[in-house]
Amino acid sequence: MTHKNWDVVIGLEIHAQLKTNSKIFSMDAARFGAGDNDNISPTSLGLPGALPVLNSKVVEYAVRAGVALNCEIQEESIFARKNYFYPDMPKGYQISQFDKPICKNGFLEFFVGSEIKKVGIERIHMEEDAGKSTHSGNFSLINYNRAGVPLLEIVSLPEIKSPQEAAEYSKMMRQILRYINICDGNLEEGSLRVDCNVSVRPVGEKKLGSKVEIKNINSFRFIEKALEYEIQRQIDMLESGRTIDQETRLYDSVKNVTTTMRKKEDAHDYRYFPDP
C-alpha cells in the first residue's frame, strides 16, 4: 500500500514476557497455563505489608537483550511507580522504569525484501505485567496469575515507514529474543505483544502528526492489517478536513477495524516517581 502524498511514521513498543521460573518481585510461579488465580501471593495482589524483592534473573535477561540489540547498558537503573487505577493492577500502580531504564540507544537491523533496514531502539526497561481481565455482559473476571510476571518493554524510535516494515521488525525481534533464550515468543499465549504508534503527515512536513496507539497486537499479520487500516483512516480524516485525536485504539481482527479504547495519556498523567 502506498500513499504518495503522505508520510507514515511508526514506532513500536514490544512487550516480552521473560522465561523466568518466578515473577519479577515475588516467588510466585511465572508459568503459563496454571489454574485461575493459582500463582498469586500477597505481593502479587499488592496487599499491605507485602514488599517486593527483585528477581536477579530479570536483570540478567534485560542486559542480555541490551547486548543483543546493540544498546548502551546503564550502570545506574531505577524502578519507578507508574500510577493508574484499573482492577488488573491491584496496587494502584505498576512497578516499571521511567527516566533511568536499564538499556538505551540501540538498534535492530532486519530485511525488508532484499534490503536491510536499520531502526533505532530508544530504550529497554523492566516492568511487571498486569493481571488478565475477562469481560462478559455486565461483569468482569480477573485472573491475577499474570500480575507480576516479568516484562521487558522494548521501545523503537519512530523510524518505521510502512506496515510491512513494522511486521518484519517484529519478526526479527522475536527471532532474537528466542535465540538468546529469554522469551519463548508465543504470540498466541500473550508472551509477546506489540503496541503500534502511528501517525501520518503531508510529504515534506517536518512536524509529526497526532499519534494513535494500537494496543496489544499478537499476530504479525494483524500488525500489517491494523496499521494499513489505521493509516487509511487517518488519511481519510485529514483529507476531509477533520483532525486526529491522540488516543489508544484496539484492533478488531474480525471486522478489520480499529476502535477507540481510551484517550491517550501522556507521561505526566501517570505521575511517575522512584519506587522506594
Protein backbone atom coordinates (compact mmCIF):
# COMPACT_ATOMS: atom_id res chain seq x y z
CA MET A 1 0.00 0.00 0.00
CA THR A 2 1.39 3.41 -0.99
CA HIS A 3 0.22 6.90 -0.05
CA LYS A 4 2.07 9.22 -2.40
CA ASN A 5 1.06 12.48 -0.69
CA TRP A 6 1.60 11.29 2.87
CA ASP A 7 4.49 10.17 5.04
CA VAL A 8 3.80 7.38 7.51
CA VAL A 9 5.60 7.40 10.87
CA ILE A 10 5.52 4.25 13.03
CA GLY A 11 7.14 3.37 16.34
CA LEU A 12 6.72 0.03 18.10
CA GLU A 13 6.65 -0.98 21.74
CA ILE A 14 7.27 -4.70 22.14
CA HIS A 15 6.34 -6.32 25.46
CA ALA A 16 8.25 -9.57 26.01
CA GLN A 17 7.49 -11.85 28.95
CA LEU A 18 10.71 -13.33 30.30
CA LYS A 19 11.32 -17.07 30.73
CA THR A 20 11.99 -16.93 34.47
CA ASN A 21 10.70 -19.53 36.91
CA SER A 22 9.27 -16.90 39.25
CA LYS A 23 7.79 -13.43 38.98
CA ILE A 24 9.81 -10.23 38.99
CA PHE A 25 9.17 -9.24 42.63
CA SER A 26 7.92 -12.43 44.31
CA MET A 27 8.46 -16.20 44.41
CA ASP A 28 5.14 -16.92 42.66
CA ALA A 29 5.49 -19.18 39.63
CA ALA A 30 5.54 -17.33 36.32
CA ARG A 31 4.36 -20.19 34.10
CA PHE A 32 1.51 -20.01 31.59
CA GLY A 33 -1.49 -22.32 31.86
CA ALA A 34 -1.99 -22.67 35.62
CA GLY A 35 -5.48 -22.66 37.13
CA ASP A 36 -7.11 -19.29 37.61
CA ASN A 37 -5.50 -17.34 40.47
CA ASP A 38 -3.25 -20.25 41.46
CA ASN A 39 0.04 -18.35 41.10
CA ILE A 40 -0.64 -15.46 43.45
CA SER A 41 0.54 -14.19 46.82
CA PRO A 42 0.18 -11.03 48.94
CA THR A 43 2.90 -9.43 46.79
CA SER A 44 1.09 -10.19 43.51
CA LEU A 45 -2.12 -8.79 44.97
CA GLY A 46 -0.49 -5.70 46.43
CA LEU A 47 -1.68 -6.39 49.96
CA PRO A 48 -0.49 -4.08 52.75
CA GLY A 49 2.89 -5.04 54.17
CA ALA A 50 3.96 -7.20 51.21
CA LEU A 51 7.35 -5.96 49.99
CA PRO A 52 8.83 -6.63 46.54
CA VAL A 53 12.19 -8.40 46.17
CA LEU A 54 13.82 -8.14 42.74
CA ASN A 55 14.44 -11.35 40.80
CA SER A 56 18.09 -11.05 39.70
CA LYS A 57 17.43 -13.23 36.65
CA VAL A 58 15.27 -10.44 35.22
CA VAL A 59 18.21 -8.04 35.32
CA GLU A 60 20.46 -10.65 33.69
CA TYR A 61 17.96 -11.20 30.87
CA ALA A 62 17.49 -7.45 30.36
CA VAL A 63 21.24 -6.98 29.97
CA ARG A 64 21.35 -9.93 27.57
CA ALA A 65 18.66 -8.27 25.44
CA GLY A 66 20.51 -4.96 25.55
CA VAL A 67 23.72 -6.53 24.27
CA ALA A 68 21.85 -8.39 21.50
CA LEU A 69 20.18 -5.14 20.42
CA ASN A 70 23.38 -3.07 20.44
CA CYS A 71 22.31 -0.93 23.41
CA GLU A 72 24.26 1.04 25.98
CA ILE A 73 23.87 -0.82 29.29
CA GLN A 74 23.27 1.66 32.10
CA GLU A 75 25.32 1.35 35.29
CA GLU A 76 22.51 3.03 37.24
CA SER A 77 18.95 1.87 36.65
CA ILE A 78 15.98 2.80 38.83
CA PHE A 79 12.46 1.40 39.17
CA ALA A 80 9.55 3.84 39.20
CA ARG A 81 5.89 3.69 40.12
CA LYS A 82 3.54 4.22 37.19
CA ASN A 83 0.31 5.30 38.85
CA TYR A 84 -3.00 4.32 37.33
CA PHE A 85 -6.22 2.72 38.55
CA TYR A 86 -7.54 -0.42 36.90
CA PRO A 87 -8.70 -3.68 38.51
CA ASP A 88 -5.97 -5.78 36.86
CA MET A 89 -3.30 -3.80 38.79
CA PRO A 90 -4.49 -4.13 42.41
CA LYS A 91 -1.74 -1.96 43.97
CA GLY A 92 -2.98 1.08 42.06
CA TYR A 93 0.40 1.41 40.38
CA GLN A 94 2.76 -0.63 38.20
CA ILE A 95 6.43 -1.03 39.10
CA SER A 96 8.18 -0.03 35.88
CA GLN A 97 11.05 2.25 34.84
CA PHE A 98 10.89 5.83 33.61
CA ASP A 99 13.86 8.18 33.32
CA LYS A 100 16.56 5.61 34.13
CA PRO A 101 15.91 2.42 32.14
CA ILE A 102 18.42 -0.40 32.08
CA CYS A 103 19.30 -0.10 28.35
CA LYS A 104 19.33 2.82 25.91
CA ASN A 105 20.38 3.83 22.39
CA GLY A 106 20.45 0.54 20.50
CA PHE A 107 19.36 -0.55 17.04
CA LEU A 108 17.92 -3.51 15.16
CA GLU A 109 18.71 -4.47 11.57
CA PHE A 110 16.32 -6.61 9.53
CA PHE A 111 15.42 -7.40 5.93
CA VAL A 112 12.53 -5.82 4.05
CA GLY A 113 12.56 -7.75 0.82
CA SER A 114 16.19 -7.78 -0.29
CA GLU A 115 17.11 -4.54 1.51
CA ILE A 116 18.48 -4.13 5.03
CA LYS A 117 16.59 -1.68 7.23
CA LYS A 118 18.04 -0.25 10.45
CA VAL A 119 15.74 1.07 13.20
CA GLY A 120 16.91 2.67 16.43
CA ILE A 121 16.00 1.29 19.85
CA GLU A 122 15.26 4.18 22.20
CA ARG A 123 15.19 2.13 25.40
CA ILE A 124 14.61 -1.22 27.07
CA HIS A 125 13.08 -1.23 30.51
CA MET A 126 11.94 -3.82 33.05
CA GLU A 127 8.45 -3.89 34.49
CA GLU A 128 5.76 -6.16 35.92
CA ASP A 129 2.84 -7.42 33.87
CA ALA A 130 -0.77 -6.82 34.89
CA GLY A 131 -3.49 -9.38 35.55
CA LYS A 132 -5.83 -10.51 32.81
CA SER A 133 -9.44 -9.30 32.67
CA THR A 134 -12.25 -11.23 31.00
CA HIS A 135 -15.39 -9.22 30.30
CA SER A 136 -18.83 -10.79 29.98
CA GLY A 137 -22.05 -8.81 29.93
CA ASN A 138 -22.27 -6.57 32.97
CA PHE A 139 -19.40 -8.11 34.94
CA SER A 140 -15.70 -8.84 34.62
CA LEU A 141 -13.49 -11.62 35.97
CA ILE A 142 -9.81 -11.11 36.77
CA ASN A 143 -7.06 -13.72 36.80
CA TYR A 144 -4.04 -12.42 38.70
CA ASN A 145 -1.66 -15.21 37.66
CA ARG A 146 -0.08 -12.82 35.15
CA ALA A 147 0.25 -9.96 37.66
CA GLY A 148 3.94 -9.59 38.42
CA VAL A 149 5.23 -11.72 35.55
CA PRO A 150 8.45 -10.03 34.36
CA LEU A 151 8.32 -7.99 31.17
CA LEU A 152 10.82 -6.19 29.02
CA GLU A 153 9.38 -3.27 27.10
CA ILE A 154 11.49 -2.57 24.01
CA VAL A 155 10.74 0.84 22.52
CA SER A 156 11.80 1.71 18.99
CA LEU A 157 12.42 5.15 17.58
CA PRO A 158 9.68 6.33 15.16
CA GLU A 159 11.73 5.27 12.14
CA ILE A 160 9.45 2.61 10.65
CA LYS A 161 7.79 3.76 7.44
CA SER A 162 5.27 1.07 6.47
CA PRO A 163 3.13 -1.76 7.87
CA GLN A 164 5.41 -4.28 6.14
CA GLU A 165 8.47 -2.83 7.87
CA ALA A 166 6.65 -2.99 11.21
CA ALA A 167 5.86 -6.68 10.73
CA GLU A 168 9.41 -7.54 9.63
CA TYR A 169 10.89 -5.61 12.57
CA SER A 170 8.64 -7.54 14.97
CA LYS A 171 9.55 -10.89 13.39
CA MET A 172 13.27 -10.18 13.73
CA MET A 173 12.81 -9.00 17.33
CA ARG A 174 11.01 -12.24 18.18
CA GLN A 175 13.73 -14.28 16.49
CA ILE A 176 16.47 -12.54 18.51
CA LEU A 177 14.65 -12.86 21.85
CA ARG A 178 14.09 -16.56 21.21
CA TYR A 179 17.70 -17.08 20.11
CA ILE A 180 19.13 -15.55 23.28
CA ASN A 181 16.64 -17.69 25.21
CA ILE A 182 14.93 -15.04 27.32
CA CYS A 183 11.39 -15.16 25.83
CA ASP A 184 9.51 -18.00 24.17
CA GLY A 185 7.80 -15.58 21.77
CA ASN A 186 4.45 -17.38 21.82
CA LEU A 187 2.17 -14.69 20.48
CA GLU A 188 -0.96 -16.79 20.91
CA GLU A 189 -0.24 -17.07 24.66
CA GLY A 190 0.48 -13.35 25.01
CA SER A 191 4.16 -13.72 25.89
CA LEU A 192 4.99 -11.30 23.05
CA ARG A 193 2.66 -8.35 22.47
CA VAL A 194 3.11 -5.36 20.20
CA ASP A 195 1.80 -1.81 20.59
CA CYS A 196 1.93 0.22 17.37
CA ASN A 197 2.20 4.02 17.48
CA VAL A 198 1.31 5.54 14.11
CA SER A 199 0.78 8.98 12.61
CA VAL A 200 0.71 10.48 9.14
CA ARG A 201 1.83 13.85 7.80
CA PRO A 202 1.97 15.51 4.37
CA VAL A 203 5.11 14.74 2.39
CA GLY A 204 7.76 17.34 3.27
CA GLU A 205 6.18 18.29 6.60
CA LYS A 206 8.66 18.19 9.49
CA LYS A 207 6.19 18.26 12.37
CA LEU A 208 4.82 14.90 13.45
CA GLY A 209 1.09 14.32 13.25
CA SER A 210 -1.13 13.30 16.18
CA LYS A 211 -0.13 9.82 17.32
CA VAL A 212 -2.55 6.93 17.71
CA GLU A 213 -1.53 3.82 19.65
CA ILE A 214 -2.95 0.40 18.70
CA LYS A 215 -2.63 -1.85 21.75
CA ASN A 216 -1.73 -5.49 22.28
CA ILE A 217 -1.49 -6.95 18.78
CA ASN A 218 -0.46 -10.60 18.94
CA SER A 219 -0.02 -11.55 15.27
CA PHE A 220 2.43 -10.35 12.62
CA ARG A 221 -0.33 -10.45 10.02
CA PHE A 222 -2.58 -8.38 12.28
CA ILE A 223 0.21 -5.81 12.74
CA GLU A 224 0.16 -5.18 8.99
CA LYS A 225 -3.62 -5.21 8.69
CA ALA A 226 -4.21 -2.98 11.73
CA LEU A 227 -1.66 -0.42 10.53
CA GLU A 228 -2.99 -0.46 6.97
CA TYR A 229 -6.49 0.26 8.24
CA GLU A 230 -5.38 2.93 10.72
CA ILE A 231 -3.16 4.74 8.21
CA GLN A 232 -6.00 4.92 5.70
CA ARG A 233 -8.45 6.05 8.41
CA GLN A 234 -6.16 8.92 9.40
CA ILE A 235 -5.55 9.98 5.81
CA ASP A 236 -9.28 9.93 5.04
CA MET A 237 -9.99 12.08 8.10
CA LEU A 238 -7.29 14.64 7.31
CA GLU A 239 -8.26 14.87 3.64
CA SER A 240 -11.86 15.58 4.68
CA GLY A 241 -10.73 18.44 6.96
CA ARG A 242 -11.05 16.65 10.29
CA THR A 243 -8.38 16.27 12.98
CA ILE A 244 -6.83 13.17 14.54
CA ASP A 245 -7.30 12.66 18.28
CA GLN A 246 -4.36 11.36 20.27
CA GLU A 247 -5.86 8.14 21.59
CA THR A 248 -5.42 4.44 22.23
CA ARG A 249 -7.30 2.07 19.93
CA LEU A 250 -7.86 -1.68 19.69
CA TYR A 251 -7.78 -3.79 16.53
CA ASP A 252 -10.82 -5.95 15.74
CA SER A 253 -9.49 -8.72 13.51
CA VAL A 254 -12.98 -9.97 12.60
CA LYS A 255 -14.20 -6.61 11.28
CA ASN A 256 -10.69 -5.43 10.28
CA VAL A 257 -11.13 -2.07 12.00
CA THR A 258 -9.59 -0.19 14.90
CA THR A 259 -11.89 1.17 17.61
CA THR A 260 -11.38 3.70 20.39
CA MET A 261 -10.26 2.26 23.73
CA ARG A 262 -9.41 5.49 25.60
CA LYS A 263 -7.95 8.91 25.09
CA LYS A 264 -4.17 8.65 25.08
CA GLU A 265 -2.35 9.55 28.29
CA ASP A 266 0.93 11.43 28.47
CA ALA A 267 3.76 10.55 30.85
CA HIS A 268 2.74 13.24 33.35
CA ASP A 269 -0.69 11.60 33.69
CA TYR A 270 0.99 8.61 35.36
CA ARG A 271 2.78 10.73 38.00
CA TYR A 272 5.95 8.67 37.90
CA PHE A 273 8.20 8.73 40.95
CA PRO A 274 11.01 6.41 42.14
CA ASP A 275 9.80 3.20 43.75
CA PRO A 276 11.10 3.14 47.32
